[in-house]
Amino acid sequence: MSDIAERSPAVGARRLWTAAVIVAVLQTAVLAYMVGERAWGLRSGVEVILKTAPVDPRDLLRGDYVTLNYDISRVPVSTLVGGPPKESLSNQVLSVRLKKQDDGYWSIAESSLGTLEPKPDTVILKSLPFDYVSYGDQADAKATMFVNYGIERFYVPEGQGHDIESARNDRRVSIAARVSSDGAAHIRSLLLDGKPVYEEPLY
């Protein structure tokens, strides 16, 4: 009995240490996957130039990032393939087809709460899950859905955020993003008056 009692703390310590190692390995693997996925998206994704829109009310700089809003953040209900659903839906992912316009910016060609098939010269971007609010019979041609794409935050050098926010609200800021084959978007660079001023590293 004494030998068992003496070994029990050692066994428990080994189990605890093993569990800690497993957790650390899993966390490292998840982090490596996230970094690798982002790097792959930046390397292989299709580049699109997105026009930013003012943030109203003005969102003050928080830490070292600025909040970004896009023209494509408001998706016209009229672009929905098959029209809007009859009732409210929750936790939806919107597929948005983007097409390059004459001014160089990409805008919404159509959208769907289901799947969009690939077409030449277009890119399919997927939103983050959101709650769809039904507009019912009162919906008009200007009704929109507001969605996020996971590219609404951009980190900048300390002390430079306010200037970028001012330029953003003057509609002088645009974003070059890469859209991967699964519809995920990653910011590649921030453009001021059409010229890159900040670029995201691959890692």
N, C-alpha and C. Protein backbone atom coordinates (compact mmCIF):
# COMPACT_ATOMS: atom_id res chain seq x y z
N MET A 1 0.82 -1.21 0.00
CA MET A 1 0.00 0.00 0.00
C MET A 1 0.85 1.25 0.00
N SER A 2 1.96 1.23 0.77
CA SER A 2 2.81 2.41 0.86
C SER A 2 3.43 2.74 -0.49
N ASP A 3 3.83 1.67 -1.27
CA ASP A 3 4.43 1.91 -2.59
C ASP A 3 3.42 2.56 -3.52
N ILE A 4 2.16 2.07 -3.46
CA ILE A 4 1.11 2.64 -4.31
C ILE A 4 0.87 4.10 -3.95
N ALA A 5 0.83 4.37 -2.66
CA ALA A 5 0.60 5.74 -2.19
C ALA A 5 1.71 6.66 -2.64
N GLU A 6 2.97 6.13 -2.61
CA GLU A 6 4.11 6.96 -3.00
C GLU A 6 4.11 7.21 -4.50
N ARG A 7 3.61 6.21 -5.29
CA ARG A 7 3.64 6.37 -6.74
C ARG A 7 2.49 7.24 -7.25
N SER A 8 1.41 7.33 -6.52
CA SER A 8 0.23 8.04 -6.99
C SER A 8 0.51 9.50 -7.35
N PRO A 9 1.21 10.28 -6.51
CA PRO A 9 1.50 11.67 -6.89
C PRO A 9 2.32 11.75 -8.17
N ALA A 10 3.27 10.83 -8.33
CA ALA A 10 4.10 10.84 -9.54
C ALA A 10 3.27 10.54 -10.77
N VAL A 11 2.36 9.57 -10.65
CA VAL A 11 1.48 9.22 -11.77
C VAL A 11 0.59 10.39 -12.13
N GLY A 12 0.04 11.04 -11.11
CA GLY A 12 -0.83 12.19 -11.35
C GLY A 12 -0.08 13.33 -12.01
N ALA A 13 1.17 13.55 -11.59
CA ALA A 13 1.98 14.61 -12.18
C ALA A 13 2.27 14.32 -13.64
N ARG A 14 2.58 13.03 -13.93
CA ARG A 14 2.86 12.66 -15.32
C ARG A 14 1.63 12.86 -16.20
N ARG A 15 0.47 12.49 -15.67
CA ARG A 15 -0.76 12.67 -16.44
C ARG A 15 -1.05 14.14 -16.70
N LEU A 16 -0.82 14.95 -15.67
CA LEU A 16 -1.03 16.38 -15.81
C LEU A 16 -0.09 16.97 -16.85
N TRP A 17 1.17 16.53 -16.78
CA TRP A 17 2.16 17.03 -17.74
C TRP A 17 1.81 16.58 -19.16
N THR A 18 1.38 15.35 -19.31
CA THR A 18 0.98 14.84 -20.63
C THR A 18 -0.20 15.61 -21.19
N ALA A 19 -1.18 15.89 -20.32
CA ALA A 19 -2.35 16.65 -20.76
C ALA A 19 -1.95 18.05 -21.20
N ALA A 20 -1.02 18.67 -20.44
CA ALA A 20 -0.56 20.02 -20.78
C ALA A 20 0.15 20.02 -22.13
N VAL A 21 0.94 19.00 -22.39
CA VAL A 21 1.66 18.90 -23.67
C VAL A 21 0.66 18.74 -24.82
N ILE A 22 -0.35 17.90 -24.61
CA ILE A 22 -1.36 17.68 -25.66
C ILE A 22 -2.09 18.98 -25.97
N VAL A 23 -2.49 19.72 -24.93
CA VAL A 23 -3.18 20.99 -25.13
C VAL A 23 -2.29 21.97 -25.88
N ALA A 24 -1.01 22.03 -25.49
CA ALA A 24 -0.08 22.95 -26.15
C ALA A 24 0.10 22.59 -27.62
N VAL A 25 0.21 21.30 -27.91
CA VAL A 25 0.37 20.85 -29.30
C VAL A 25 -0.86 21.20 -30.13
N LEU A 26 -2.06 20.98 -29.55
CA LEU A 26 -3.29 21.30 -30.26
C LEU A 26 -3.41 22.80 -30.52
N GLN A 27 -3.07 23.62 -29.53
CA GLN A 27 -3.13 25.06 -29.70
C GLN A 27 -2.16 25.52 -30.79
N THR A 28 -0.96 24.95 -30.78
CA THR A 28 0.04 25.29 -31.79
C THR A 28 -0.44 24.89 -33.18
N ALA A 29 -1.05 23.70 -33.26
CA ALA A 29 -1.55 23.23 -34.55
C ALA A 29 -2.65 24.13 -35.09
N VAL A 30 -3.56 24.54 -34.21
CA VAL A 30 -4.66 25.43 -34.63
C VAL A 30 -4.10 26.77 -35.10
N LEU A 31 -3.15 27.32 -34.35
CA LEU A 31 -2.54 28.60 -34.72
C LEU A 31 -1.81 28.48 -36.05
N ALA A 32 -1.05 27.38 -36.22
CA ALA A 32 -0.33 27.17 -37.47
C ALA A 32 -1.29 27.06 -38.64
N TYR A 33 -2.42 26.38 -38.43
CA TYR A 33 -3.42 26.25 -39.49
C TYR A 33 -3.99 27.61 -39.87
N MET A 34 -4.31 28.43 -38.87
CA MET A 34 -4.88 29.75 -39.15
C MET A 34 -3.90 30.62 -39.92
N VAL A 35 -2.63 30.61 -39.49
CA VAL A 35 -1.61 31.41 -40.17
C VAL A 35 -1.40 30.89 -41.58
N GLY A 36 -1.32 29.57 -41.72
CA GLY A 36 -1.12 28.98 -43.03
C GLY A 36 -2.27 29.25 -43.97
N GLU A 37 -3.51 29.19 -43.45
CA GLU A 37 -4.68 29.45 -44.27
C GLU A 37 -4.68 30.88 -44.78
N ARG A 38 -4.32 31.82 -43.89
CA ARG A 38 -4.27 33.23 -44.28
C ARG A 38 -3.19 33.46 -45.33
N ALA A 39 -2.00 32.87 -45.10
CA ALA A 39 -0.90 33.03 -46.05
C ALA A 39 -1.28 32.45 -47.42
N TRP A 40 -1.93 31.29 -47.42
CA TRP A 40 -2.35 30.67 -48.66
C TRP A 40 -3.37 31.55 -49.38
N GLY A 41 -4.31 32.12 -48.62
CA GLY A 41 -5.30 33.00 -49.23
C GLY A 41 -4.68 34.23 -49.84
N LEU A 42 -3.67 34.80 -49.17
CA LEU A 42 -3.01 35.99 -49.70
C LEU A 42 -2.19 35.66 -50.94
N ARG A 43 -1.62 34.46 -50.97
CA ARG A 43 -0.82 34.06 -52.12
C ARG A 43 -1.68 33.69 -53.34
N SER A 44 -2.70 32.88 -53.11
CA SER A 44 -3.42 32.27 -54.22
C SER A 44 -4.75 32.92 -54.55
N GLY A 45 -5.26 33.79 -53.65
CA GLY A 45 -6.58 34.37 -53.87
C GLY A 45 -6.61 35.37 -55.01
N VAL A 46 -7.80 35.62 -55.52
CA VAL A 46 -8.01 36.63 -56.55
C VAL A 46 -8.06 38.00 -55.90
N GLU A 47 -7.30 38.95 -56.44
CA GLU A 47 -7.27 40.27 -55.83
C GLU A 47 -8.44 41.13 -56.30
N VAL A 48 -9.11 41.74 -55.36
CA VAL A 48 -10.21 42.66 -55.65
C VAL A 48 -9.94 43.97 -54.93
N ILE A 49 -10.33 45.08 -55.56
CA ILE A 49 -10.19 46.40 -54.94
C ILE A 49 -11.57 46.83 -54.47
N LEU A 50 -11.68 47.10 -53.17
CA LEU A 50 -12.97 47.42 -52.57
C LEU A 50 -12.99 48.87 -52.10
N LYS A 51 -14.07 49.55 -52.43
CA LYS A 51 -14.24 50.94 -52.02
C LYS A 51 -14.78 50.97 -50.59
N THR A 52 -14.14 51.75 -49.74
CA THR A 52 -14.64 51.87 -48.37
C THR A 52 -15.68 52.98 -48.29
N ALA A 53 -16.48 52.90 -47.25
CA ALA A 53 -17.53 53.89 -47.02
C ALA A 53 -17.33 54.51 -45.64
N PRO A 54 -17.84 55.72 -45.44
CA PRO A 54 -17.71 56.35 -44.12
C PRO A 54 -18.37 55.51 -43.04
N VAL A 55 -17.85 55.60 -41.85
CA VAL A 55 -18.45 54.94 -40.70
C VAL A 55 -19.23 55.99 -39.94
N ASP A 56 -20.51 55.81 -39.81
CA ASP A 56 -21.38 56.79 -39.19
C ASP A 56 -22.26 56.10 -38.13
N PRO A 57 -22.20 56.49 -36.86
CA PRO A 57 -21.38 57.58 -36.39
C PRO A 57 -19.89 57.25 -36.42
N ARG A 58 -19.09 58.29 -36.41
CA ARG A 58 -17.65 58.12 -36.50
C ARG A 58 -17.17 57.18 -35.39
N ASP A 59 -16.42 56.16 -35.80
CA ASP A 59 -15.90 55.19 -34.84
C ASP A 59 -14.49 55.62 -34.45
N LEU A 60 -14.32 55.99 -33.20
CA LEU A 60 -13.01 56.45 -32.75
C LEU A 60 -11.99 55.33 -32.80
N LEU A 61 -10.75 55.71 -33.04
CA LEU A 61 -9.67 54.73 -33.10
C LEU A 61 -9.58 53.99 -31.78
N ARG A 62 -9.50 52.69 -31.85
CA ARG A 62 -9.39 51.87 -30.65
C ARG A 62 -8.10 51.09 -30.72
N GLY A 63 -7.13 51.49 -29.91
CA GLY A 63 -5.85 50.80 -29.93
C GLY A 63 -5.11 51.16 -31.20
N ASP A 64 -4.71 50.16 -31.97
CA ASP A 64 -3.91 50.40 -33.17
C ASP A 64 -4.62 49.89 -34.42
N TYR A 65 -5.93 49.99 -34.44
CA TYR A 65 -6.65 49.59 -35.65
C TYR A 65 -7.77 50.58 -35.96
N VAL A 66 -8.17 50.57 -37.23
CA VAL A 66 -9.30 51.39 -37.64
C VAL A 66 -10.41 50.46 -38.13
N THR A 67 -11.63 50.93 -37.99
CA THR A 67 -12.79 50.17 -38.44
C THR A 67 -13.08 50.53 -39.89
N LEU A 68 -13.34 49.49 -40.70
CA LEU A 68 -13.61 49.71 -42.11
C LEU A 68 -15.03 49.27 -42.45
N ASN A 69 -15.64 50.05 -43.28
CA ASN A 69 -16.96 49.75 -43.82
C ASN A 69 -16.84 49.82 -45.34
N TYR A 70 -17.58 48.99 -46.05
CA TYR A 70 -17.44 48.93 -47.50
C TYR A 70 -18.76 49.19 -48.19
N ASP A 71 -18.67 49.60 -49.44
CA ASP A 71 -19.88 49.72 -50.24
C ASP A 71 -20.59 48.38 -50.34
N ILE A 72 -19.81 47.29 -50.41
CA ILE A 72 -20.40 45.95 -50.54
C ILE A 72 -20.91 45.41 -49.21
N SER A 73 -20.75 46.19 -48.12
CA SER A 73 -21.27 45.75 -46.83
C SER A 73 -22.79 45.81 -46.79
N ARG A 74 -23.34 46.67 -47.61
CA ARG A 74 -24.80 46.78 -47.71
C ARG A 74 -25.23 46.10 -49.01
N VAL A 75 -25.84 44.96 -48.86
CA VAL A 75 -26.22 44.15 -50.02
C VAL A 75 -27.69 44.40 -50.35
N PRO A 76 -27.97 44.92 -51.53
CA PRO A 76 -29.37 45.15 -51.90
C PRO A 76 -30.17 43.85 -51.91
N VAL A 77 -31.33 43.88 -51.30
CA VAL A 77 -32.20 42.70 -51.29
C VAL A 77 -32.58 42.33 -52.73
N SER A 78 -32.60 43.32 -53.60
CA SER A 78 -32.96 43.07 -55.00
C SER A 78 -31.95 42.18 -55.72
N THR A 79 -30.74 42.03 -55.16
CA THR A 79 -29.73 41.18 -55.81
C THR A 79 -29.85 39.72 -55.41
N LEU A 80 -30.72 39.41 -54.43
CA LEU A 80 -30.87 38.04 -53.97
C LEU A 80 -31.47 37.14 -55.05
N VAL A 81 -30.76 36.10 -55.40
CA VAL A 81 -31.27 35.14 -56.37
C VAL A 81 -32.52 34.47 -55.79
N GLY A 82 -33.61 34.53 -56.52
CA GLY A 82 -34.86 33.94 -56.03
C GLY A 82 -35.64 34.85 -55.11
N GLY A 83 -35.10 36.05 -54.85
CA GLY A 83 -35.80 36.99 -53.99
C GLY A 83 -35.60 36.69 -52.51
N PRO A 84 -36.07 37.58 -51.65
CA PRO A 84 -35.91 37.38 -50.20
C PRO A 84 -36.78 36.24 -49.69
N PRO A 85 -36.35 35.58 -48.62
CA PRO A 85 -37.18 34.52 -48.04
C PRO A 85 -38.45 35.09 -47.42
N LYS A 86 -39.40 34.23 -47.22
CA LYS A 86 -40.69 34.67 -46.69
C LYS A 86 -40.65 35.02 -45.20
N GLU A 87 -39.67 34.44 -44.49
CA GLU A 87 -39.60 34.68 -43.05
C GLU A 87 -38.16 34.91 -42.63
N SER A 88 -38.00 35.43 -41.43
CA SER A 88 -36.67 35.74 -40.91
C SER A 88 -35.85 34.46 -40.73
N LEU A 89 -34.58 34.57 -41.01
CA LEU A 89 -33.65 33.46 -40.85
C LEU A 89 -32.50 33.91 -39.95
N SER A 90 -31.89 32.96 -39.26
CA SER A 90 -30.78 33.31 -38.39
C SER A 90 -29.53 32.51 -38.75
N ASN A 91 -28.39 33.08 -38.41
CA ASN A 91 -27.10 32.43 -38.61
C ASN A 91 -26.86 32.07 -40.08
N GLN A 92 -27.20 33.01 -40.95
CA GLN A 92 -27.05 32.79 -42.38
C GLN A 92 -25.69 33.24 -42.89
N VAL A 93 -25.22 32.61 -43.96
CA VAL A 93 -24.02 33.04 -44.67
C VAL A 93 -24.45 33.46 -46.06
N LEU A 94 -24.12 34.68 -46.43
CA LEU A 94 -24.51 35.20 -47.72
C LEU A 94 -23.37 35.04 -48.71
N SER A 95 -23.65 34.46 -49.86
CA SER A 95 -22.68 34.39 -50.95
C SER A 95 -22.90 35.59 -51.85
N VAL A 96 -21.83 36.34 -52.12
CA VAL A 96 -21.94 37.56 -52.91
C VAL A 96 -21.02 37.46 -54.12
N ARG A 97 -21.60 37.63 -55.30
CA ARG A 97 -20.78 37.62 -56.51
C ARG A 97 -20.30 39.04 -56.80
N LEU A 98 -18.99 39.20 -56.90
CA LEU A 98 -18.41 40.50 -57.21
C LEU A 98 -17.92 40.52 -58.65
N LYS A 99 -18.08 41.67 -59.27
CA LYS A 99 -17.61 41.85 -60.64
C LYS A 99 -16.88 43.19 -60.74
N LYS A 100 -15.77 43.19 -61.45
CA LYS A 100 -14.97 44.40 -61.59
C LYS A 100 -15.68 45.40 -62.48
N GLN A 101 -15.72 46.66 -62.02
CA GLN A 101 -16.36 47.72 -62.77
C GLN A 101 -15.33 48.54 -63.56
N ASP A 102 -15.83 49.45 -64.37
CA ASP A 102 -14.95 50.25 -65.22
C ASP A 102 -13.99 51.12 -64.42
N ASP A 103 -14.38 51.49 -63.20
CA ASP A 103 -13.51 52.35 -62.38
C ASP A 103 -12.46 51.55 -61.62
N GLY A 104 -12.44 50.22 -61.79
CA GLY A 104 -11.43 49.39 -61.14
C GLY A 104 -11.90 48.76 -59.84
N TYR A 105 -12.99 49.27 -59.28
CA TYR A 105 -13.53 48.71 -58.05
C TYR A 105 -14.46 47.53 -58.36
N TRP A 106 -14.56 46.62 -57.38
CA TRP A 106 -15.44 45.46 -57.54
C TRP A 106 -16.74 45.73 -56.79
N SER A 107 -17.85 45.40 -57.40
CA SER A 107 -19.14 45.64 -56.77
C SER A 107 -20.03 44.41 -56.90
N ILE A 108 -21.18 44.46 -56.25
CA ILE A 108 -22.07 43.30 -56.17
C ILE A 108 -22.85 43.12 -57.47
N ALA A 109 -22.78 41.90 -58.02
CA ALA A 109 -23.56 41.56 -59.21
C ALA A 109 -24.82 40.80 -58.81
N GLU A 110 -24.68 39.90 -57.85
CA GLU A 110 -25.83 39.16 -57.33
C GLU A 110 -25.43 38.53 -56.00
N SER A 111 -26.41 38.05 -55.28
CA SER A 111 -26.15 37.43 -53.98
C SER A 111 -27.11 36.26 -53.78
N SER A 112 -26.79 35.42 -52.80
CA SER A 112 -27.64 34.27 -52.55
C SER A 112 -27.44 33.77 -51.12
N LEU A 113 -28.52 33.32 -50.51
CA LEU A 113 -28.43 32.66 -49.21
C LEU A 113 -28.09 31.19 -49.39
N GLY A 114 -27.97 30.77 -50.65
CA GLY A 114 -27.55 29.41 -50.97
C GLY A 114 -26.18 29.43 -51.62
N THR A 115 -26.04 28.68 -52.71
CA THR A 115 -24.76 28.56 -53.40
C THR A 115 -24.81 29.28 -54.74
N LEU A 116 -23.72 29.97 -55.06
CA LEU A 116 -23.57 30.60 -56.36
C LEU A 116 -22.53 29.83 -57.16
N GLU A 117 -22.84 29.53 -58.40
CA GLU A 117 -21.90 28.81 -59.24
C GLU A 117 -20.86 29.78 -59.80
N PRO A 118 -19.61 29.34 -59.94
CA PRO A 118 -18.57 30.21 -60.50
C PRO A 118 -18.91 30.67 -61.92
N LYS A 119 -18.54 31.91 -62.23
CA LYS A 119 -18.70 32.46 -63.56
C LYS A 119 -17.43 33.20 -63.94
N PRO A 120 -17.12 33.28 -65.22
CA PRO A 120 -15.90 33.98 -65.65
C PRO A 120 -15.89 35.44 -65.20
N ASP A 121 -14.70 35.91 -64.85
CA ASP A 121 -14.49 37.32 -64.50
C ASP A 121 -15.27 37.77 -63.28
N THR A 122 -15.64 36.85 -62.42
CA THR A 122 -16.31 37.21 -61.17
C THR A 122 -15.65 36.47 -60.01
N VAL A 123 -15.90 36.95 -58.83
CA VAL A 123 -15.39 36.34 -57.60
C VAL A 123 -16.55 36.17 -56.63
N ILE A 124 -16.60 35.04 -55.95
CA ILE A 124 -17.64 34.80 -54.97
C ILE A 124 -17.08 34.98 -53.56
N LEU A 125 -17.62 35.94 -52.86
CA LEU A 125 -17.20 36.29 -51.51
C LEU A 125 -18.28 35.86 -50.53
N LYS A 126 -17.88 35.27 -49.41
CA LYS A 126 -18.87 34.82 -48.42
C LYS A 126 -18.80 35.70 -47.18
N SER A 127 -19.97 36.02 -46.67
CA SER A 127 -20.06 36.84 -45.46
C SER A 127 -19.86 36.00 -44.22
N LEU A 128 -19.70 36.67 -43.11
CA LEU A 128 -19.75 35.99 -41.82
C LEU A 128 -21.22 35.70 -41.51
N PRO A 129 -21.50 34.72 -40.65
CA PRO A 129 -22.90 34.42 -40.31
C PRO A 129 -23.61 35.67 -39.76
N PHE A 130 -24.86 35.83 -40.13
CA PHE A 130 -25.63 36.98 -39.67
C PHE A 130 -27.10 36.60 -39.59
N ASP A 131 -27.88 37.46 -38.96
CA ASP A 131 -29.32 37.27 -38.88
C ASP A 131 -29.98 38.06 -40.01
N TYR A 132 -30.75 37.36 -40.81
CA TYR A 132 -31.48 38.03 -41.88
C TYR A 132 -32.84 38.48 -41.36
N VAL A 133 -33.15 39.75 -41.56
CA VAL A 133 -34.43 40.30 -41.13
C VAL A 133 -35.34 40.38 -42.34
N SER A 134 -36.44 39.70 -42.28
CA SER A 134 -37.38 39.69 -43.40
C SER A 134 -38.01 41.07 -43.57
N TYR A 135 -38.11 41.49 -44.82
CA TYR A 135 -38.74 42.77 -45.11
C TYR A 135 -40.21 42.62 -45.49
N GLY A 136 -40.66 41.36 -45.62
CA GLY A 136 -42.06 41.09 -45.91
C GLY A 136 -42.54 41.76 -47.18
N ASP A 137 -43.82 42.05 -47.25
CA ASP A 137 -44.40 42.65 -48.43
C ASP A 137 -44.07 44.13 -48.56
N GLN A 138 -43.54 44.72 -47.49
CA GLN A 138 -43.26 46.14 -47.51
C GLN A 138 -41.87 46.46 -48.05
N ALA A 139 -41.11 45.43 -48.43
CA ALA A 139 -39.75 45.66 -48.93
C ALA A 139 -39.80 46.49 -50.21
N ASP A 140 -38.89 47.45 -50.31
CA ASP A 140 -38.82 48.24 -51.54
C ASP A 140 -37.52 47.94 -52.26
N ALA A 141 -37.33 48.54 -53.40
CA ALA A 141 -36.17 48.25 -54.23
C ALA A 141 -34.85 48.67 -53.58
N LYS A 142 -34.94 49.55 -52.57
CA LYS A 142 -33.73 50.05 -51.94
C LYS A 142 -33.39 49.33 -50.64
N ALA A 143 -34.17 48.34 -50.26
CA ALA A 143 -33.91 47.60 -49.01
C ALA A 143 -32.56 46.88 -49.11
N THR A 144 -31.82 46.89 -48.00
CA THR A 144 -30.49 46.28 -47.99
C THR A 144 -30.30 45.40 -46.77
N MET A 145 -29.33 44.50 -46.87
CA MET A 145 -28.87 43.70 -45.74
C MET A 145 -27.45 44.13 -45.43
N PHE A 146 -27.17 44.36 -44.16
CA PHE A 146 -25.81 44.74 -43.76
C PHE A 146 -25.06 43.48 -43.31
N VAL A 147 -23.90 43.21 -43.94
CA VAL A 147 -23.13 42.01 -43.62
C VAL A 147 -21.67 42.38 -43.39
N ASN A 148 -20.97 41.50 -42.69
CA ASN A 148 -19.53 41.63 -42.49
C ASN A 148 -18.83 40.48 -43.20
N TYR A 149 -17.59 40.74 -43.61
CA TYR A 149 -16.81 39.74 -44.35
C TYR A 149 -15.54 39.31 -43.61
N GLY A 150 -15.35 39.83 -42.41
CA GLY A 150 -14.14 39.49 -41.67
C GLY A 150 -12.95 40.37 -42.02
N ILE A 151 -13.18 41.44 -42.76
CA ILE A 151 -12.10 42.36 -43.15
C ILE A 151 -12.46 43.79 -42.73
N GLU A 152 -13.15 43.90 -41.62
CA GLU A 152 -13.62 45.21 -41.15
C GLU A 152 -12.68 45.87 -40.15
N ARG A 153 -11.51 45.31 -39.98
CA ARG A 153 -10.55 45.88 -39.04
C ARG A 153 -9.16 45.85 -39.67
N PHE A 154 -8.46 46.98 -39.61
CA PHE A 154 -7.12 47.04 -40.19
C PHE A 154 -6.17 47.65 -39.16
N TYR A 155 -5.08 46.93 -38.88
CA TYR A 155 -4.11 47.40 -37.90
C TYR A 155 -3.10 48.32 -38.56
N VAL A 156 -2.82 49.42 -37.89
CA VAL A 156 -1.94 50.44 -38.45
C VAL A 156 -0.87 50.81 -37.43
N PRO A 157 0.23 51.46 -37.90
CA PRO A 157 1.26 51.92 -36.96
C PRO A 157 0.67 52.89 -35.94
N GLU A 158 1.17 52.82 -34.74
CA GLU A 158 0.66 53.65 -33.65
C GLU A 158 0.74 55.13 -34.01
N GLY A 159 -0.32 55.84 -33.75
CA GLY A 159 -0.36 57.28 -33.98
C GLY A 159 -0.82 57.69 -35.37
N GLN A 160 -1.07 56.73 -36.28
CA GLN A 160 -1.46 57.07 -37.64
C GLN A 160 -2.91 56.74 -37.95
N GLY A 161 -3.60 56.20 -36.98
CA GLY A 161 -4.97 55.76 -37.21
C GLY A 161 -5.94 56.89 -37.48
N HIS A 162 -5.81 58.01 -36.79
CA HIS A 162 -6.77 59.10 -36.95
C HIS A 162 -6.71 59.69 -38.36
N ASP A 163 -5.50 59.79 -38.92
CA ASP A 163 -5.38 60.31 -40.29
C ASP A 163 -6.07 59.39 -41.27
N ILE A 164 -5.93 58.08 -41.06
CA ILE A 164 -6.57 57.11 -41.95
C ILE A 164 -8.08 57.18 -41.80
N GLU A 165 -8.55 57.34 -40.56
CA GLU A 165 -9.99 57.44 -40.35
C GLU A 165 -10.57 58.66 -41.05
N SER A 166 -9.84 59.78 -40.99
CA SER A 166 -10.31 61.00 -41.68
C SER A 166 -10.38 60.77 -43.18
N ALA A 167 -9.33 60.12 -43.72
CA ALA A 167 -9.30 59.83 -45.15
C ALA A 167 -10.40 58.84 -45.52
N ARG A 168 -10.66 57.88 -44.62
CA ARG A 168 -11.73 56.91 -44.87
C ARG A 168 -13.07 57.60 -44.98
N ASN A 169 -13.35 58.53 -44.07
CA ASN A 169 -14.64 59.21 -44.08
C ASN A 169 -14.75 60.21 -45.23
N ASP A 170 -13.61 60.54 -45.85
CA ASP A 170 -13.62 61.38 -47.06
C ASP A 170 -13.63 60.51 -48.32
N ARG A 171 -13.77 59.17 -48.11
CA ARG A 171 -13.84 58.20 -49.21
C ARG A 171 -12.57 58.19 -50.06
N ARG A 172 -11.43 58.39 -49.41
CA ARG A 172 -10.14 58.35 -50.11
C ARG A 172 -9.41 57.03 -49.88
N VAL A 173 -10.00 56.17 -49.04
CA VAL A 173 -9.35 54.89 -48.69
C VAL A 173 -10.04 53.75 -49.42
N SER A 174 -9.23 52.85 -49.93
CA SER A 174 -9.75 51.61 -50.51
C SER A 174 -8.88 50.45 -50.03
N ILE A 175 -9.36 49.26 -50.24
CA ILE A 175 -8.67 48.07 -49.75
C ILE A 175 -8.44 47.09 -50.90
N ALA A 176 -7.22 46.57 -50.97
CA ALA A 176 -6.93 45.47 -51.88
C ALA A 176 -7.01 44.19 -51.06
N ALA A 177 -7.94 43.34 -51.41
CA ALA A 177 -8.15 42.09 -50.67
C ALA A 177 -7.98 40.91 -51.61
N ARG A 178 -7.57 39.79 -51.06
CA ARG A 178 -7.48 38.55 -51.81
C ARG A 178 -8.63 37.64 -51.36
N VAL A 179 -9.36 37.11 -52.32
CA VAL A 179 -10.47 36.22 -52.03
C VAL A 179 -10.08 34.81 -52.45
N SER A 180 -10.05 33.90 -51.50
CA SER A 180 -9.65 32.52 -51.78
C SER A 180 -10.79 31.73 -52.40
N SER A 181 -10.49 30.53 -52.83
CA SER A 181 -11.47 29.71 -53.55
C SER A 181 -12.67 29.33 -52.68
N ASP A 182 -12.51 29.39 -51.35
CA ASP A 182 -13.64 29.06 -50.46
C ASP A 182 -14.46 30.29 -50.08
N GLY A 183 -14.13 31.44 -50.67
CA GLY A 183 -14.92 32.64 -50.43
C GLY A 183 -14.44 33.51 -49.29
N ALA A 184 -13.34 33.14 -48.64
CA ALA A 184 -12.81 33.94 -47.52
C ALA A 184 -11.96 35.09 -48.05
N ALA A 185 -12.08 36.24 -47.42
CA ALA A 185 -11.33 37.43 -47.84
C ALA A 185 -10.23 37.75 -46.83
N HIS A 186 -9.09 38.21 -47.34
CA HIS A 186 -7.97 38.63 -46.51
C HIS A 186 -7.44 39.95 -47.06
N ILE A 187 -7.26 40.93 -46.18
CA ILE A 187 -6.74 42.22 -46.61
C ILE A 187 -5.28 42.08 -47.02
N ARG A 188 -4.97 42.56 -48.22
CA ARG A 188 -3.58 42.55 -48.71
C ARG A 188 -2.90 43.88 -48.46
N SER A 189 -3.61 44.97 -48.75
CA SER A 189 -3.00 46.29 -48.54
C SER A 189 -4.09 47.35 -48.43
N LEU A 190 -3.72 48.46 -47.81
CA LEU A 190 -4.59 49.63 -47.69
C LEU A 190 -4.10 50.68 -48.67
N LEU A 191 -5.02 51.21 -49.45
CA LEU A 191 -4.66 52.20 -50.46
C LEU A 191 -5.24 53.55 -50.09
N LEU A 192 -4.43 54.58 -50.27
CA LEU A 192 -4.86 55.95 -50.05
C LEU A 192 -4.77 56.68 -51.38
N ASP A 193 -5.90 57.18 -51.85
CA ASP A 193 -5.98 57.82 -53.17
C ASP A 193 -5.46 56.88 -54.26
N GLY A 194 -5.75 55.59 -54.09
CA GLY A 194 -5.39 54.61 -55.10
C GLY A 194 -3.98 54.06 -55.01
N LYS A 195 -3.19 54.55 -54.05
CA LYS A 195 -1.80 54.10 -53.93
C LYS A 195 -1.60 53.33 -52.63
N PRO A 196 -0.94 52.17 -52.67
CA PRO A 196 -0.72 51.38 -51.45
C PRO A 196 0.13 52.15 -50.44
N VAL A 197 -0.33 52.18 -49.18
CA VAL A 197 0.44 52.83 -48.13
C VAL A 197 0.82 51.85 -47.01
N TYR A 198 0.02 50.80 -46.86
CA TYR A 198 0.34 49.75 -45.88
C TYR A 198 0.07 48.40 -46.52
N GLU A 199 0.98 47.47 -46.33
CA GLU A 199 0.81 46.13 -46.88
C GLU A 199 0.90 45.11 -45.76
N GLU A 200 0.06 44.10 -45.85
CA GLU A 200 0.06 43.03 -44.85
C GLU A 200 1.10 42.00 -45.21
N PRO A 201 1.95 41.59 -44.24
CA PRO A 201 2.90 40.51 -44.51
C PRO A 201 2.17 39.18 -44.61
N LEU A 202 2.79 38.21 -45.29
CA LEU A 202 2.16 36.90 -45.42
C LEU A 202 2.06 36.22 -44.07
N TYR A 203 3.06 36.41 -43.20
CA TYR A 203 3.07 35.77 -41.87
C TYR A 203 3.19 36.82 -40.80
